[in-house]
N, C-alpha and C. Protein backbone atom coordinates (compact mmCIF):
# COMPACT_ATOMS: atom_id res chain seq x y z
N UNK A 1 17.65 -13.88 9.57
CA UNK A 1 17.34 -13.27 8.31
C UNK A 1 16.04 -12.84 8.01
N UNK A 2 15.19 -13.31 8.69
CA UNK A 2 13.71 -12.96 8.59
C UNK A 2 13.38 -11.66 9.35
N UNK A 3 13.98 -11.34 10.34
CA UNK A 3 13.84 -10.24 10.85
C UNK A 3 14.50 -9.09 10.18
N UNK A 4 15.53 -9.34 9.45
CA UNK A 4 16.21 -8.18 8.75
C UNK A 4 15.39 -7.86 7.53
N UNK A 5 14.67 -8.96 6.83
CA UNK A 5 13.74 -8.86 5.90
C UNK A 5 12.56 -7.98 6.16
N UNK A 6 12.22 -8.35 7.42
CA UNK A 6 10.73 -7.54 7.70
C UNK A 6 11.10 -5.97 8.07
N UNK A 7 12.35 -5.82 8.95
CA UNK A 7 12.46 -4.49 9.05
C UNK A 7 12.85 -3.53 7.76
N UNK A 8 13.39 -4.38 6.56
CA UNK A 8 13.64 -3.91 5.30
C UNK A 8 12.34 -3.54 4.75
N UNK A 9 11.35 -4.42 4.78
CA UNK A 9 10.01 -4.38 4.08
C UNK A 9 9.40 -3.01 4.61
N UNK A 10 9.52 -2.96 5.92
CA UNK A 10 8.80 -1.94 6.58
C UNK A 10 9.23 -0.48 6.43
N UNK A 11 10.54 -0.49 6.43
CA UNK A 11 11.51 0.66 6.00
C UNK A 11 11.18 1.19 4.70
N UNK A 12 10.90 0.18 3.62
CA UNK A 12 10.49 0.70 2.29
C UNK A 12 9.00 1.16 2.34
N UNK A 13 8.32 0.43 3.16
CA UNK A 13 6.64 1.01 3.10
C UNK A 13 6.81 2.37 3.89
N UNK A 14 7.71 2.89 4.86
CA UNK A 14 7.72 3.91 5.29
C UNK A 14 8.49 5.04 4.59
N UNK A 15 9.18 4.83 3.62
CA UNK A 15 9.83 5.71 2.60
C UNK A 15 8.94 5.97 1.54
N UNK A 16 8.22 4.84 1.14
CA UNK A 16 7.17 5.16 0.35
C UNK A 16 5.88 6.04 0.79
N UNK A 17 5.38 5.78 1.98
CA UNK A 17 4.51 6.71 2.36
C UNK A 17 5.11 8.15 2.51
N UNK A 18 6.34 8.21 2.93
CA UNK A 18 6.70 9.75 3.07
C UNK A 18 6.96 10.23 1.93
N UNK A 19 7.40 9.48 0.81
CA UNK A 19 7.37 10.25 -0.45
C UNK A 19 6.21 10.52 -1.12
N UNK A 20 4.97 9.69 -0.70
CA UNK A 20 3.45 10.11 -1.24
C UNK A 20 3.20 11.35 -0.42
N UNK A 21 3.35 11.48 0.74
CA UNK A 21 3.00 12.50 1.77
C UNK A 21 3.64 13.79 1.19
N UNK A 22 4.95 13.82 0.80
CA UNK A 22 5.73 14.96 0.26
C UNK A 22 4.93 15.34 -1.04
N UNK A 23 4.82 14.53 -1.79
CA UNK A 23 4.34 14.85 -3.38
C UNK A 23 3.09 15.36 -3.02
N UNK A 24 2.22 14.94 -2.23
CA UNK A 24 0.83 15.65 -1.82
C UNK A 24 0.85 16.91 -1.31
N UNK A 25 1.70 17.21 -0.82
CA UNK A 25 1.95 18.81 -0.23
C UNK A 25 2.72 19.64 -1.11
N UNK A 26 3.45 19.19 -1.97
CA UNK A 26 4.01 20.29 -2.71
C UNK A 26 3.25 20.45 -4.32
N UNK A 27 2.49 19.44 -4.62
CA UNK A 27 1.75 19.55 -5.95
C UNK A 27 0.47 20.43 -5.81
N UNK A 28 0.35 21.00 -6.88
CA UNK A 28 -0.86 21.85 -6.94
C UNK A 28 -1.93 21.01 -7.71
N UNK A 29 -2.98 20.80 -7.13
CA UNK A 29 -4.04 19.66 -7.65
C UNK A 29 -3.83 18.42 -7.05
N UNK A 30 -4.44 17.30 -7.56
CA UNK A 30 -4.53 16.05 -7.04
C UNK A 30 -3.42 15.36 -7.53
N UNK A 31 -2.13 15.33 -6.69
CA UNK A 31 -0.92 14.50 -6.87
C UNK A 31 -1.11 13.10 -6.51
N UNK A 32 -1.88 12.79 -5.56
CA UNK A 32 -2.06 11.28 -5.30
C UNK A 32 -3.63 11.24 -5.29
N UNK A 33 -4.01 9.95 -5.99
CA UNK A 33 -5.36 9.86 -5.93
C UNK A 33 -5.95 9.17 -4.90
N UNK A 34 -7.32 9.37 -4.47
CA UNK A 34 -7.97 9.05 -3.39
C UNK A 34 -8.06 7.62 -3.24
N UNK A 35 -8.10 7.18 -2.13
CA UNK A 35 -7.92 5.63 -1.88
C UNK A 35 -9.24 4.76 -2.75
N UNK A 36 -10.30 5.50 -2.96
CA UNK A 36 -11.27 4.94 -3.74
C UNK A 36 -10.96 4.88 -4.93
N UNK A 37 -10.14 5.58 -5.56
CA UNK A 37 -9.74 5.62 -7.02
C UNK A 37 -8.77 4.34 -7.11
N UNK A 38 -7.86 4.35 -6.39
CA UNK A 38 -6.88 3.61 -6.45
C UNK A 38 -7.32 2.04 -6.18
N UNK A 39 -8.43 1.70 -5.45
CA UNK A 39 -9.16 0.61 -5.27
C UNK A 39 -9.79 0.07 -6.53
N UNK A 40 -10.47 1.00 -7.02
CA UNK A 40 -11.28 0.89 -8.36
C UNK A 40 -10.38 0.52 -9.37
N UNK A 41 -9.07 1.22 -9.57
CA UNK A 41 -8.22 0.75 -10.63
C UNK A 41 -7.62 -0.76 -10.34
N UNK A 42 -7.13 -1.25 -9.05
CA UNK A 42 -6.72 -2.43 -8.87
C UNK A 42 -7.94 -3.41 -9.01
N UNK A 43 -9.01 -3.10 -8.94
CA UNK A 43 -10.36 -4.13 -8.78
C UNK A 43 -10.59 -4.36 -10.42
N UNK A 44 -10.07 -3.75 -11.30
CA UNK A 44 -10.32 -4.02 -12.63
C UNK A 44 -9.67 -4.97 -13.46
N UNK A 45 -8.59 -5.41 -13.39
CA UNK A 45 -8.09 -6.67 -13.59
C UNK A 45 -7.94 -7.82 -12.55
N UNK A 46 -8.01 -9.02 -13.48
CA UNK A 46 -8.19 -10.20 -12.72
C UNK A 46 -6.83 -10.26 -11.57
N UNK A 47 -5.86 -10.39 -12.14
CA UNK A 47 -4.53 -10.77 -11.35
C UNK A 47 -4.36 -9.51 -10.13
N UNK A 48 -4.74 -8.36 -10.55
CA UNK A 48 -4.93 -6.98 -9.41
C UNK A 48 -5.95 -7.67 -8.45
N UNK A 49 -6.84 -8.00 -8.89
CA UNK A 49 -8.13 -8.21 -7.79
C UNK A 49 -7.61 -9.41 -7.04
N UNK A 50 -6.70 -10.60 -7.51
CA UNK A 50 -6.09 -11.74 -6.54
C UNK A 50 -4.95 -11.06 -5.52
N UNK A 51 -4.36 -10.07 -6.18
CA UNK A 51 -3.08 -9.40 -5.37
C UNK A 51 -3.99 -8.69 -4.40
N UNK A 52 -5.14 -8.11 -4.67
CA UNK A 52 -5.70 -7.07 -3.72
C UNK A 52 -6.23 -7.97 -2.32
N UNK A 53 -6.91 -9.21 -2.84
CA UNK A 53 -7.45 -10.11 -1.94
C UNK A 53 -6.43 -10.79 -0.94
N UNK A 54 -5.18 -11.15 -1.56
CA UNK A 54 -4.02 -11.71 -0.79
C UNK A 54 -3.57 -10.49 0.12
N UNK A 55 -3.43 -9.49 -0.30
CA UNK A 55 -2.90 -8.32 0.53
C UNK A 55 -3.79 -8.08 1.78
N UNK A 56 -5.03 -8.37 1.49
CA UNK A 56 -6.03 -7.87 2.42
C UNK A 56 -6.11 -9.09 3.51
N UNK A 57 -5.74 -10.27 2.82
CA UNK A 57 -5.70 -11.46 3.88
C UNK A 57 -4.65 -11.51 4.63
N UNK A 58 -3.40 -11.04 4.25
CA UNK A 58 -2.32 -10.84 4.99
C UNK A 58 -2.33 -9.83 6.05
N UNK A 59 -2.91 -8.78 5.66
CA UNK A 59 -3.11 -7.59 6.48
C UNK A 59 -4.13 -7.89 7.62
N UNK A 60 -5.17 -8.78 7.34
CA UNK A 60 -6.02 -9.06 8.25
C UNK A 60 -5.36 -10.13 9.27
N UNK A 61 -4.56 -11.08 8.68
CA UNK A 61 -4.06 -12.13 9.70
C UNK A 61 -2.89 -11.47 10.58
N UNK A 62 -2.16 -10.48 9.94
CA UNK A 62 -1.10 -9.91 10.79
C UNK A 62 -1.45 -8.83 11.79
N UNK A 63 -2.48 -8.31 11.16
CA UNK A 63 -2.97 -7.04 12.18
C UNK A 63 -4.12 -7.08 13.09
N UNK A 64 -4.90 -7.94 12.85
CA UNK A 64 -6.14 -8.04 13.37
C UNK A 64 -6.25 -9.37 13.93
N UNK A 65 -5.61 -10.62 13.72
CA UNK A 65 -5.93 -11.85 14.05
C UNK A 65 -5.16 -12.13 15.37
N UNK A 66 -4.28 -11.16 15.67
CA UNK A 66 -3.34 -11.54 16.88
C UNK A 66 -4.00 -10.83 18.03
């Protein structure tokens, strides 16, 4: 069950990344905001900051701590 959930999550992330990549290539002008703009918008709300910190902690634990 856990591995199936993990595969589904990574598949959804891959599909989302491919959609953003496709939109950035077909649009005229800035279709996707720069990462700095996205992080600035995330850091404006209290709950979004908490979510950002938790996501950073999860990524750090799973990608860098191993």
